């Protein structure tokens, strides 16, 4: 659980440096599964919730802050 707590702290404090792998680890820890992967788009689904879509930019390895904020909001990570 400590690893998840460190990842959550990273999402809340360092939004500029979140990678696709970080999103994948956090979403799967919260019960989401990768439903669809095509090109730069990924869609994660969990029964009873709205899907979470992530688009990874082509020129950077980091996710846009808008997607990070959406994950924080959807998972209820706000303090």
PDB file of N, CA and C in Angstrom:
ATOM      1  N   UNK A   1       0.817  -1.197   0.000  1.00  0.00           N
ATOM      2  CA  UNK A   1       0.000   0.000   0.000  1.00  0.00           C
ATOM      3  C   UNK A   1       0.861   1.261   0.000  1.00  0.00           C
ATOM      4  N   UNK A   2       2.065   1.200   0.529  1.00  0.00           N
ATOM      5  CA  UNK A   2       2.916   2.383   0.548  1.00  0.00           C
ATOM      6  C   UNK A   2       3.211   2.875  -0.850  1.00  0.00           C
ATOM      7  N   UNK A   3       3.370   1.942  -1.791  1.00  0.00           N
ATOM      8  CA  UNK A   3       3.651   2.337  -3.164  1.00  0.00           C
ATOM      9  C   UNK A   3       2.477   3.116  -3.752  1.00  0.00           C
ATOM     10  N   UNK A   4       1.270   2.661  -3.449  1.00  0.00           N
ATOM     11  CA  UNK A   4       0.087   3.380  -3.928  1.00  0.00           C
ATOM     12  C   UNK A   4      -0.003   4.762  -3.301  1.00  0.00           C
ATOM     13  N   UNK A   5       0.347   4.871  -2.029  1.00  0.00           N
ATOM     14  CA  UNK A   5       0.302   6.165  -1.361  1.00  0.00           C
ATOM     15  C   UNK A   5       1.311   7.131  -1.971  1.00  0.00           C
ATOM     16  N   UNK A   6       2.500   6.642  -2.312  1.00  0.00           N
ATOM     17  CA  UNK A   6       3.500   7.496  -2.952  1.00  0.00           C
ATOM     18  C   UNK A   6       3.018   7.942  -4.328  1.00  0.00           C
ATOM     19  N   UNK A   7       2.362   7.028  -5.043  1.00  0.00           N
ATOM     20  CA  UNK A   7       1.852   7.363  -6.370  1.00  0.00           C
ATOM     21  C   UNK A   7       0.724   8.395  -6.270  1.00  0.00           C
ATOM     22  N   UNK A   8      -0.141   8.239  -5.291  1.00  0.00           N
ATOM     23  CA  UNK A   8      -1.219   9.211  -5.084  1.00  0.00           C
ATOM     24  C   UNK A   8      -0.630  10.577  -4.747  1.00  0.00           C
ATOM     25  N   UNK A   9       0.377  10.600  -3.893  1.00  0.00           N
ATOM     26  CA  UNK A   9       1.029  11.862  -3.539  1.00  0.00           C
ATOM     27  C   UNK A   9       1.639  12.516  -4.776  1.00  0.00           C
ATOM     28  N   UNK A  10       2.216  11.689  -5.659  1.00  0.00           N
ATOM     29  CA  UNK A  10       2.789  12.219  -6.897  1.00  0.00           C
ATOM     30  C   UNK A  10       1.704  12.847  -7.767  1.00  0.00           C
ATOM     31  N   UNK A  11       0.551  12.190  -7.864  1.00  0.00           N
ATOM     32  CA  UNK A  11      -0.556  12.729  -8.646  1.00  0.00           C
ATOM     33  C   UNK A  11      -1.035  14.071  -8.088  1.00  0.00           C
ATOM     34  N   UNK A  12      -1.020  14.205  -6.780  1.00  0.00           N
ATOM     35  CA  UNK A  12      -1.536  15.423  -6.163  1.00  0.00           C
ATOM     36  C   UNK A  12      -0.532  16.564  -6.152  1.00  0.00           C
ATOM     37  N   UNK A  13       0.766  16.258  -6.128  1.00  0.00           N
ATOM     38  CA  UNK A  13       1.757  17.316  -5.983  1.00  0.00           C
ATOM     39  C   UNK A  13       2.564  17.598  -7.246  1.00  0.00           C
ATOM     40  N   UNK A  14       2.794  16.592  -8.065  1.00  0.00           N
ATOM     41  CA  UNK A  14       3.677  16.754  -9.227  1.00  0.00           C
ATOM     42  C   UNK A  14       2.928  16.397 -10.513  1.00  0.00           C
ATOM     43  N   UNK A  15       1.901  17.150 -10.831  1.00  0.00           N
ATOM     44  CA  UNK A  15       1.028  16.839 -11.963  1.00  0.00           C
ATOM     45  C   UNK A  15       1.721  16.954 -13.317  1.00  0.00           C
ATOM     46  N   UNK A  16       2.810  17.687 -13.368  1.00  0.00           N
ATOM     47  CA  UNK A  16       3.516  17.892 -14.637  1.00  0.00           C
ATOM     48  C   UNK A  16       4.319  16.667 -15.083  1.00  0.00           C
ATOM     49  N   UNK A  17       4.592  15.742 -14.171  1.00  0.00           N
ATOM     50  CA  UNK A  17       5.476  14.624 -14.486  1.00  0.00           C
ATOM     51  C   UNK A  17       4.809  13.275 -14.293  1.00  0.00           C
ATOM     52  N   UNK A  18       3.566  13.146 -14.720  1.00  0.00           N
ATOM     53  CA  UNK A  18       2.827  11.887 -14.647  1.00  0.00           C
ATOM     54  C   UNK A  18       2.933  11.191 -16.000  1.00  0.00           C
ATOM     55  N   UNK A  19       3.369   9.942 -15.992  1.00  0.00           N
ATOM     56  CA  UNK A  19       3.521   9.181 -17.228  1.00  0.00           C
ATOM     57  C   UNK A  19       2.315   8.268 -17.441  1.00  0.00           C
ATOM     58  N   UNK A  20       2.259   7.650 -18.612  1.00  0.00           N
ATOM     59  CA  UNK A  20       1.199   6.694 -18.917  1.00  0.00           C
ATOM     60  C   UNK A  20       1.288   5.508 -17.966  1.00  0.00           C
ATOM     61  N   UNK A  21       2.502   5.095 -17.629  1.00  0.00           N
ATOM     62  CA  UNK A  21       2.696   3.970 -16.720  1.00  0.00           C
ATOM     63  C   UNK A  21       2.163   4.284 -15.324  1.00  0.00           C
ATOM     64  N   UNK A  22       2.352   5.534 -14.878  1.00  0.00           N
ATOM     65  CA  UNK A  22       1.806   5.946 -13.578  1.00  0.00           C
ATOM     66  C   UNK A  22       0.282   5.866 -13.588  1.00  0.00           C
ATOM     67  N   UNK A  23      -0.323   6.344 -14.651  1.00  0.00           N
ATOM     68  CA  UNK A  23      -1.789   6.289 -14.775  1.00  0.00           C
ATOM     69  C   UNK A  23      -2.271   4.846 -14.783  1.00  0.00           C
ATOM     70  N   UNK A  24      -1.580   3.999 -15.512  1.00  0.00           N
ATOM     71  CA  UNK A  24      -1.961   2.592 -15.597  1.00  0.00           C
ATOM     72  C   UNK A  24      -1.894   1.927 -14.219  1.00  0.00           C
ATOM     73  N   UNK A  25      -0.816   2.164 -13.484  1.00  0.00           N
ATOM     74  CA  UNK A  25      -0.664   1.565 -12.153  1.00  0.00           C
ATOM     75  C   UNK A  25      -1.762   2.033 -11.202  1.00  0.00           C
ATOM     76  N   UNK A  26      -2.054   3.338 -11.211  1.00  0.00           N
ATOM     77  CA  UNK A  26      -3.057   3.868 -10.292  1.00  0.00           C
ATOM     78  C   UNK A  26      -4.460   3.380 -10.647  1.00  0.00           C
ATOM     79  N   UNK A  27      -4.800   3.420 -11.917  1.00  0.00           N
ATOM     80  CA  UNK A  27      -6.141   3.005 -12.327  1.00  0.00           C
ATOM     81  C   UNK A  27      -6.365   1.515 -12.087  1.00  0.00           C
ATOM     82  N   UNK A  28      -5.381   0.682 -12.353  1.00  0.00           N
ATOM     83  CA  UNK A  28      -5.548  -0.755 -12.088  1.00  0.00           C
ATOM     84  C   UNK A  28      -5.604  -1.033 -10.593  1.00  0.00           C
ATOM     85  N   UNK A  29      -4.915  -0.233  -9.786  1.00  0.00           N
ATOM     86  CA  UNK A  29      -4.995  -0.387  -8.333  1.00  0.00           C
ATOM     87  C   UNK A  29      -6.392  -0.051  -7.821  1.00  0.00           C
ATOM     88  N   UNK A  30      -7.097   0.832  -8.516  1.00  0.00           N
ATOM     89  CA  UNK A  30      -8.461   1.205  -8.135  1.00  0.00           C
ATOM     90  C   UNK A  30      -9.525   0.355  -8.829  1.00  0.00           C
ATOM     91  N   UNK A  31      -9.129  -0.712  -9.485  1.00  0.00           N
ATOM     92  CA  UNK A  31     -10.096  -1.641 -10.053  1.00  0.00           C
ATOM     93  C   UNK A  31     -10.458  -1.416 -11.504  1.00  0.00           C
ATOM     94  N   UNK A  32      -9.836  -0.463 -12.159  1.00  0.00           N
ATOM     95  CA  UNK A  32     -10.094  -0.230 -13.581  1.00  0.00           C
ATOM     96  C   UNK A  32      -9.273  -1.219 -14.408  1.00  0.00           C
ATOM     97  N   UNK A  33      -9.769  -1.542 -15.574  1.00  0.00           N
ATOM     98  CA  UNK A  33      -9.009  -2.410 -16.476  1.00  0.00           C
ATOM     99  C   UNK A  33      -8.904  -1.739 -17.840  1.00  0.00           C
ATOM    100  N   UNK A  34      -7.797  -1.996 -18.491  1.00  0.00           N
ATOM    101  CA  UNK A  34      -7.571  -1.423 -19.820  1.00  0.00           C
ATOM    102  C   UNK A  34      -8.497  -2.124 -20.791  1.00  0.00           C
ATOM    103  N   UNK A  35      -9.435  -1.366 -21.324  1.00  0.00           N
ATOM    104  CA  UNK A  35     -10.443  -1.936 -22.207  1.00  0.00           C
ATOM    105  C   UNK A  35     -10.038  -1.802 -23.669  1.00  0.00           C
ATOM    106  N   UNK A  36      -9.452  -0.684 -24.000  1.00  0.00           N
ATOM    107  CA  UNK A  36      -9.155  -0.412 -25.396  1.00  0.00           C
ATOM    108  C   UNK A  36      -7.867   0.393 -25.496  1.00  0.00           C
ATOM    109  N   UNK A  37      -6.997  -0.040 -26.377  1.00  0.00           N
ATOM    110  CA  UNK A  37      -5.740   0.666 -26.598  1.00  0.00           C
ATOM    111  C   UNK A  37      -5.549   0.802 -28.101  1.00  0.00           C
ATOM    112  N   UNK A  38      -5.437   2.038 -28.547  1.00  0.00           N
ATOM    113  CA  UNK A  38      -5.242   2.268 -29.965  1.00  0.00           C
ATOM    114  C   UNK A  38      -4.401   3.500 -30.196  1.00  0.00           C
ATOM    115  N   UNK A  39      -3.208   3.317 -30.706  1.00  0.00           N
ATOM    116  CA  UNK A  39      -2.333   4.457 -30.947  1.00  0.00           C
ATOM    117  C   UNK A  39      -1.953   5.131 -29.653  1.00  0.00           C
ATOM    118  N   UNK A  40      -2.310   6.394 -29.524  1.00  0.00           N
ATOM    119  CA  UNK A  40      -1.973   7.138 -28.319  1.00  0.00           C
ATOM    120  C   UNK A  40      -3.131   7.171 -27.310  1.00  0.00           C
ATOM    121  N   UNK A  41      -4.258   6.558 -27.634  1.00  0.00           N
ATOM    122  CA  UNK A  41      -5.434   6.586 -26.768  1.00  0.00           C
ATOM    123  C   UNK A  41      -5.552   5.291 -25.970  1.00  0.00           C
ATOM    124  N   UNK A  42      -5.935   5.440 -24.697  1.00  0.00           N
ATOM    125  CA  UNK A  42      -6.215   4.298 -23.834  1.00  0.00           C
ATOM    126  C   UNK A  42      -7.523   4.555 -23.112  1.00  0.00           C
ATOM    127  N   UNK A  43      -8.350   3.526 -23.004  1.00  0.00           N
ATOM    128  CA  UNK A  43      -9.628   3.644 -22.310  1.00  0.00           C
ATOM    129  C   UNK A  43      -9.681   2.606 -21.194  1.00  0.00           C
ATOM    130  N   UNK A  44      -9.920   3.082 -19.978  1.00  0.00           N
ATOM    131  CA  UNK A  44     -10.015   2.215 -18.808  1.00  0.00           C
ATOM    132  C   UNK A  44     -11.460   2.182 -18.348  1.00  0.00           C
ATOM    133  N   UNK A  45     -11.945   0.986 -18.023  1.00  0.00           N
ATOM    134  CA  UNK A  45     -13.324   0.814 -17.612  1.00  0.00           C
ATOM    135  C   UNK A  45     -13.405   0.110 -16.266  1.00  0.00           C
ATOM    136  N   UNK A  46     -14.453   0.474 -15.520  1.00  0.00           N
ATOM    137  CA  UNK A  46     -14.795  -0.188 -14.269  1.00  0.00           C
ATOM    138  C   UNK A  46     -16.311  -0.194 -14.198  1.00  0.00           C
ATOM    139  N   UNK A  47     -16.883  -1.317 -13.844  1.00  0.00           N
ATOM    140  CA  UNK A  47     -18.332  -1.447 -13.819  1.00  0.00           C
ATOM    141  C   UNK A  47     -18.939  -0.413 -12.864  1.00  0.00           C
ATOM    142  N   UNK A  48     -19.936   0.304 -13.338  1.00  0.00           N
ATOM    143  CA  UNK A  48     -20.656   1.276 -12.531  1.00  0.00           C
ATOM    144  C   UNK A  48     -20.060   2.672 -12.525  1.00  0.00           C
ATOM    145  N   UNK A  49     -18.979   2.889 -13.272  1.00  0.00           N
ATOM    146  CA  UNK A  49     -18.358   4.218 -13.325  1.00  0.00           C
ATOM    147  C   UNK A  49     -18.213   4.646 -14.776  1.00  0.00           C
ATOM    148  N   UNK A  50     -17.911   5.906 -14.957  1.00  0.00           N
ATOM    149  CA  UNK A  50     -17.673   6.396 -16.310  1.00  0.00           C
ATOM    150  C   UNK A  50     -16.258   5.991 -16.740  1.00  0.00           C
ATOM    151  N   UNK A  51     -16.049   5.693 -18.003  1.00  0.00           N
ATOM    152  CA  UNK A  51     -14.712   5.319 -18.475  1.00  0.00           C
ATOM    153  C   UNK A  51     -13.727   6.477 -18.345  1.00  0.00           C
ATOM    154  N   UNK A  52     -12.479   6.138 -18.155  1.00  0.00           N
ATOM    155  CA  UNK A  52     -11.411   7.123 -18.078  1.00  0.00           C
ATOM    156  C   UNK A  52     -10.560   6.976 -19.324  1.00  0.00           C
ATOM    157  N   UNK A  53     -10.449   8.052 -20.075  1.00  0.00           N
ATOM    158  CA  UNK A  53      -9.659   8.046 -21.299  1.00  0.00           C
ATOM    159  C   UNK A  53      -8.384   8.843 -21.085  1.00  0.00           C
ATOM    160  N   UNK A  54      -7.280   8.317 -21.625  1.00  0.00           N
ATOM    161  CA  UNK A  54      -5.988   8.975 -21.525  1.00  0.00           C
ATOM    162  C   UNK A  54      -5.398   9.068 -22.919  1.00  0.00           C
ATOM    163  N   UNK A  55      -4.863  10.223 -23.241  1.00  0.00           N
ATOM    164  CA  UNK A  55      -4.171  10.413 -24.515  1.00  0.00           C
ATOM    165  C   UNK A  55      -2.749  10.827 -24.198  1.00  0.00           C
ATOM    166  N   UNK A  56      -1.801  10.053 -24.682  1.00  0.00           N
ATOM    167  CA  UNK A  56      -0.398  10.412 -24.444  1.00  0.00           C
ATOM    168  C   UNK A  56       0.104  11.261 -25.607  1.00  0.00           C
ATOM    169  N   UNK A  57       0.707  12.397 -25.298  1.00  0.00           N
ATOM    170  CA  UNK A  57       1.196  13.278 -26.359  1.00  0.00           C
ATOM    171  C   UNK A  57       2.359  12.648 -27.113  1.00  0.00           C
ATOM    172  N   UNK A  58       2.537  13.038 -28.358  1.00  0.00           N
ATOM    173  CA  UNK A  58       3.571  12.448 -29.200  1.00  0.00           C
ATOM    174  C   UNK A  58       4.963  12.979 -28.885  1.00  0.00           C
ATOM    175  N   UNK A  59       5.069  14.219 -28.471  1.00  0.00           N
ATOM    176  CA  UNK A  59       6.386  14.820 -28.288  1.00  0.00           C
ATOM    177  C   UNK A  59       6.851  14.833 -26.838  1.00  0.00           C
ATOM    178  N   UNK A  60       6.097  14.252 -25.949  1.00  0.00           N
ATOM    179  CA  UNK A  60       6.456  14.226 -24.539  1.00  0.00           C
ATOM    180  C   UNK A  60       6.074  12.878 -23.957  1.00  0.00           C
ATOM    181  N   UNK A  61       6.716  12.488 -22.894  1.00  0.00           N
ATOM    182  CA  UNK A  61       6.354  11.226 -22.246  1.00  0.00           C
ATOM    183  C   UNK A  61       5.354  11.448 -21.125  1.00  0.00           C
ATOM    184  N   UNK A  62       4.996  12.712 -20.869  1.00  0.00           N
ATOM    185  CA  UNK A  62       4.108  13.044 -19.766  1.00  0.00           C
ATOM    186  C   UNK A  62       2.692  13.334 -20.252  1.00  0.00           C
ATOM    187  N   UNK A  63       1.734  12.957 -19.435  1.00  0.00           N
ATOM    188  CA  UNK A  63       0.317  13.156 -19.720  1.00  0.00           C
ATOM    189  C   UNK A  63      -0.040  14.629 -19.486  1.00  0.00           C
ATOM    190  N   UNK A  64      -0.972  15.130 -20.262  1.00  0.00           N
ATOM    191  CA  UNK A  64      -1.438  16.504 -20.070  1.00  0.00           C
ATOM    192  C   UNK A  64      -2.141  16.642 -18.712  1.00  0.00           C
ATOM    193  N   UNK A  65      -2.019  17.816 -18.128  1.00  0.00           N
ATOM    194  CA  UNK A  65      -2.556  18.059 -16.784  1.00  0.00           C
ATOM    195  C   UNK A  65      -4.071  17.872 -16.745  1.00  0.00           C
ATOM    196  N   UNK A  66      -4.754  18.150 -17.827  1.00  0.00           N
ATOM    197  CA  UNK A  66      -6.211  17.986 -17.860  1.00  0.00           C
ATOM    198  C   UNK A  66      -6.604  16.530 -17.607  1.00  0.00           C
ATOM    199  N   UNK A  67      -5.860  15.592 -18.157  1.00  0.00           N
ATOM    200  CA  UNK A  67      -6.148  14.166 -17.937  1.00  0.00           C
ATOM    201  C   UNK A  67      -5.807  13.761 -16.509  1.00  0.00           C
ATOM    202  N   UNK A  68      -4.737  14.304 -15.971  1.00  0.00           N
ATOM    203  CA  UNK A  68      -4.357  14.017 -14.580  1.00  0.00           C
ATOM    204  C   UNK A  68      -5.437  14.531 -13.635  1.00  0.00           C
ATOM    205  N   UNK A  69      -5.913  15.736 -13.876  1.00  0.00           N
ATOM    206  CA  UNK A  69      -6.980  16.299 -13.039  1.00  0.00           C
ATOM    207  C   UNK A  69      -8.252  15.470 -13.129  1.00  0.00           C
ATOM    208  N   UNK A  70      -8.546  14.953 -14.289  1.00  0.00           N
ATOM    209  CA  UNK A  70      -9.751  14.122 -14.450  1.00  0.00           C
ATOM    210  C   UNK A  70      -9.621  12.826 -13.663  1.00  0.00           C
ATOM    211  N   UNK A  71      -8.438  12.219 -13.683  1.00  0.00           N
ATOM    212  CA  UNK A  71      -8.213  10.996 -12.909  1.00  0.00           C
ATOM    213  C   UNK A  71      -8.352  11.288 -11.422  1.00  0.00           C
ATOM    214  N   UNK A  72      -7.786  12.389 -10.969  1.00  0.00           N
ATOM    215  CA  UNK A  72      -7.880  12.775  -9.559  1.00  0.00           C
ATOM    216  C   UNK A  72      -9.335  12.966  -9.169  1.00  0.00           C
ATOM    217  N   UNK A  73     -10.088  13.637 -10.002  1.00  0.00           N
ATOM    218  CA  UNK A  73     -11.505  13.878  -9.715  1.00  0.00           C
ATOM    219  C   UNK A  73     -12.309  12.579  -9.725  1.00  0.00           C
ATOM    220  N   UNK A  74     -12.112  11.742 -10.741  1.00  0.00           N
ATOM    221  CA  UNK A  74     -12.882  10.506 -10.870  1.00  0.00           C
ATOM    222  C   UNK A  74     -12.588   9.512  -9.748  1.00  0.00           C
ATOM    223  N   UNK A  75     -11.343   9.469  -9.281  1.00  0.00           N
ATOM    224  CA  UNK A  75     -10.982   8.535  -8.224  1.00  0.00           C
ATOM    225  C   UNK A  75     -11.204   9.113  -6.825  1.00  0.00           C
ATOM    226  N   UNK A  76     -11.503  10.399  -6.745  1.00  0.00           N
ATOM    227  CA  UNK A  76     -11.736  11.033  -5.452  1.00  0.00           C
ATOM    228  C   UNK A  76     -10.484  11.156  -4.611  1.00  0.00           C
ATOM    229  N   UNK A  77      -9.370  11.535  -5.241  1.00  0.00           N
ATOM    230  CA  UNK A  77      -8.089  11.627  -4.549  1.00  0.00           C
ATOM    231  C   UNK A  77      -7.854  12.969  -3.889  1.00  0.00           C
ATOM    232  N   UNK A  78      -8.710  13.938  -4.121  1.00  0.00           N
ATOM    233  CA  UNK A  78      -8.496  15.279  -3.582  1.00  0.00           C
ATOM    234  C   UNK A  78      -8.490  15.238  -2.062  1.00  0.00           C
ATOM    235  N   UNK A  79      -7.644  16.070  -1.505  1.00  0.00           N
ATOM    236  CA  UNK A  79      -7.523  16.104  -0.038  1.00  0.00           C
ATOM    237  C   UNK A  79      -8.491  17.075   0.575  1.00  0.00           C
TER     238      UNK A  79
END
